[in-house]
Amino acid sequence: MADGAARERFAGDLFLDLADKGWLVVEADEAERVIAELTRTLEVVRSRVHRLEVSRRLRDAEVDGIAPEVAQFAVDTVFAEQVTAGTWERALVELPKYIEAFRIAARNASHDGTPKR
């Protein structure tokens, strides 16, 4: 998948724009639930990106006598990286935008509609 295709899967800038303009409005309790889920998702993504980084270091190290489970971890991670083609790294950039957009959207619901960051 090309980098452009990965970007099409995310709409962080759009959500921020809608929230900034007051067009995204979400009640505070619903926004809190969404933000909590997005935060959990962000933690999972961070964990996966960390695995990718460790796998890359293992590949670059070319260590002889590596334990089979470590070698399998590296192979699995390389395969996952090829399938996702940068999506995890892009998610690290985009998910915080979603979180901020929902924070603004909650403020939009409780204020006069004038967004404030």
Protein backbone atom coordinates (compact mmCIF):
# COMPACT_ATOMS: atom_id res chain seq x y z
CA MET A 1 0.00 0.00 0.00
CA ALA A 2 1.36 3.40 -0.92
CA ASP A 3 1.78 6.06 1.76
CA GLY A 4 -1.04 8.04 0.16
CA ALA A 5 -3.42 5.12 0.63
CA ALA A 6 -2.55 4.97 4.35
CA ARG A 7 -3.32 8.68 4.66
CA GLU A 8 -6.73 8.19 3.09
CA ARG A 9 -7.69 5.94 5.99
CA PHE A 10 -7.35 8.79 8.47
CA ALA A 11 -9.25 12.05 8.80
CA GLY A 12 -7.61 13.72 11.80
CA ASP A 13 -7.22 17.07 10.06
CA LEU A 14 -10.82 16.95 8.88
CA PHE A 15 -12.11 16.19 12.39
CA LEU A 16 -10.03 19.04 13.82
CA ASP A 17 -11.29 21.42 11.15
CA LEU A 18 -14.91 20.45 11.80
CA ALA A 19 -14.45 20.83 15.55
CA ASP A 20 -12.65 24.17 15.20
CA LYS A 21 -15.51 25.49 13.07
CA GLY A 22 -18.07 24.28 15.60
CA TRP A 23 -19.55 21.75 13.19
CA LEU A 24 -18.50 18.76 15.28
CA VAL A 25 -20.49 18.82 18.50
CA VAL A 26 -20.56 15.91 20.94
CA GLU A 27 -22.01 15.80 24.43
CA ALA A 28 -19.31 15.65 27.10
CA ASP A 29 -20.11 12.15 28.38
CA GLU A 30 -20.10 10.69 24.86
CA ALA A 31 -16.88 12.56 24.02
CA GLU A 32 -15.25 11.14 27.16
CA ARG A 33 -16.16 7.59 26.07
CA VAL A 34 -14.80 8.17 22.58
CA ILE A 35 -11.62 9.80 23.91
CA ALA A 36 -11.07 6.89 26.31
CA GLU A 37 -11.38 4.38 23.45
CA LEU A 38 -9.10 6.43 21.21
CA THR A 39 -6.56 6.69 24.03
CA ARG A 40 -6.61 2.90 24.51
CA THR A 41 -6.20 2.46 20.76
CA LEU A 42 -3.28 4.90 20.77
CA GLU A 43 -1.57 2.83 23.49
CA VAL A 44 -1.98 -0.34 21.40
CA VAL A 45 -0.54 1.46 18.38
CA ARG A 46 2.41 2.71 20.44
CA SER A 47 3.05 -0.86 21.56
CA ARG A 48 2.99 -2.13 17.98
CA VAL A 49 5.30 0.62 16.78
CA HIS A 50 7.66 -0.26 19.62
CA ARG A 51 7.62 -3.88 18.45
CA LEU A 52 8.43 -2.68 14.95
CA GLU A 53 11.38 -0.68 16.23
CA VAL A 54 12.71 -3.65 18.23
CA SER A 55 12.30 -5.90 15.21
CA ARG A 56 14.17 -3.45 13.00
CA ARG A 57 17.02 -3.33 15.50
CA LEU A 58 17.13 -7.14 15.61
CA ARG A 59 17.25 -7.29 11.82
CA ASP A 60 19.99 -4.68 11.65
CA ALA A 61 22.03 -6.41 14.36
CA GLU A 62 22.33 -9.70 12.41
CA VAL A 63 23.12 -11.58 15.60
CA ASP A 64 24.11 -15.25 15.30
CA GLY A 65 22.59 -17.73 17.70
CA ILE A 66 19.41 -15.76 18.25
CA ALA A 67 16.73 -17.63 20.18
CA PRO A 68 14.04 -19.17 17.91
CA GLU A 69 11.23 -17.24 19.62
CA VAL A 70 13.08 -13.96 19.11
CA ALA A 71 13.72 -14.82 15.46
CA GLN A 72 10.03 -15.66 15.03
CA PHE A 73 9.08 -12.36 16.67
CA ALA A 74 11.25 -10.51 14.16
CA VAL A 75 9.79 -12.42 11.22
CA ASP A 76 6.20 -11.87 12.40
CA THR A 77 6.82 -8.19 12.91
CA VAL A 78 8.45 -7.75 9.50
CA PHE A 79 5.47 -9.45 7.89
CA ALA A 80 3.02 -7.25 9.79
CA GLU A 81 5.00 -4.16 8.76
CA GLN A 82 4.79 -5.18 5.11
CA VAL A 83 1.04 -5.71 5.35
CA THR A 84 0.34 -2.42 7.13
CA ALA A 85 2.90 -0.36 5.15
CA GLY A 86 3.35 2.55 7.56
CA THR A 87 -0.19 2.59 8.91
CA TRP A 88 0.92 2.23 12.55
CA GLU A 89 3.27 5.19 12.32
CA ARG A 90 0.57 7.25 10.61
CA ALA A 91 -1.89 6.30 13.35
CA LEU A 92 0.54 7.72 15.93
CA VAL A 93 0.21 11.07 14.18
CA GLU A 94 -3.52 10.92 13.48
CA LEU A 95 -5.06 9.50 16.67
CA PRO A 96 -4.03 12.48 18.83
CA LYS A 97 -5.82 14.72 16.30
CA TYR A 98 -9.01 12.71 16.79
CA ILE A 99 -8.64 12.98 20.56
CA GLU A 100 -8.19 16.75 20.40
CA ALA A 101 -11.11 17.09 17.99
CA PHE A 102 -13.42 15.29 20.42
CA ARG A 103 -12.22 17.49 23.28
CA ILE A 104 -13.09 20.55 21.21
CA ALA A 105 -16.40 18.97 20.17
CA ALA A 106 -17.34 18.49 23.83
CA ARG A 107 -16.54 22.13 24.53
CA ASN A 108 -18.64 23.06 21.50
CA ALA A 109 -21.60 21.28 23.08
CA SER A 110 -21.18 23.07 26.40
CA HIS A 111 -20.42 26.57 25.05
CA ASP A 112 -21.96 28.92 22.61
CA GLY A 113 -20.46 26.98 19.71
CA THR A 114 -17.36 29.13 19.45
CA PRO A 115 -14.48 26.65 19.43
CA LYS A 116 -11.50 27.36 21.65
CA ARG A 117 -8.32 25.32 21.65
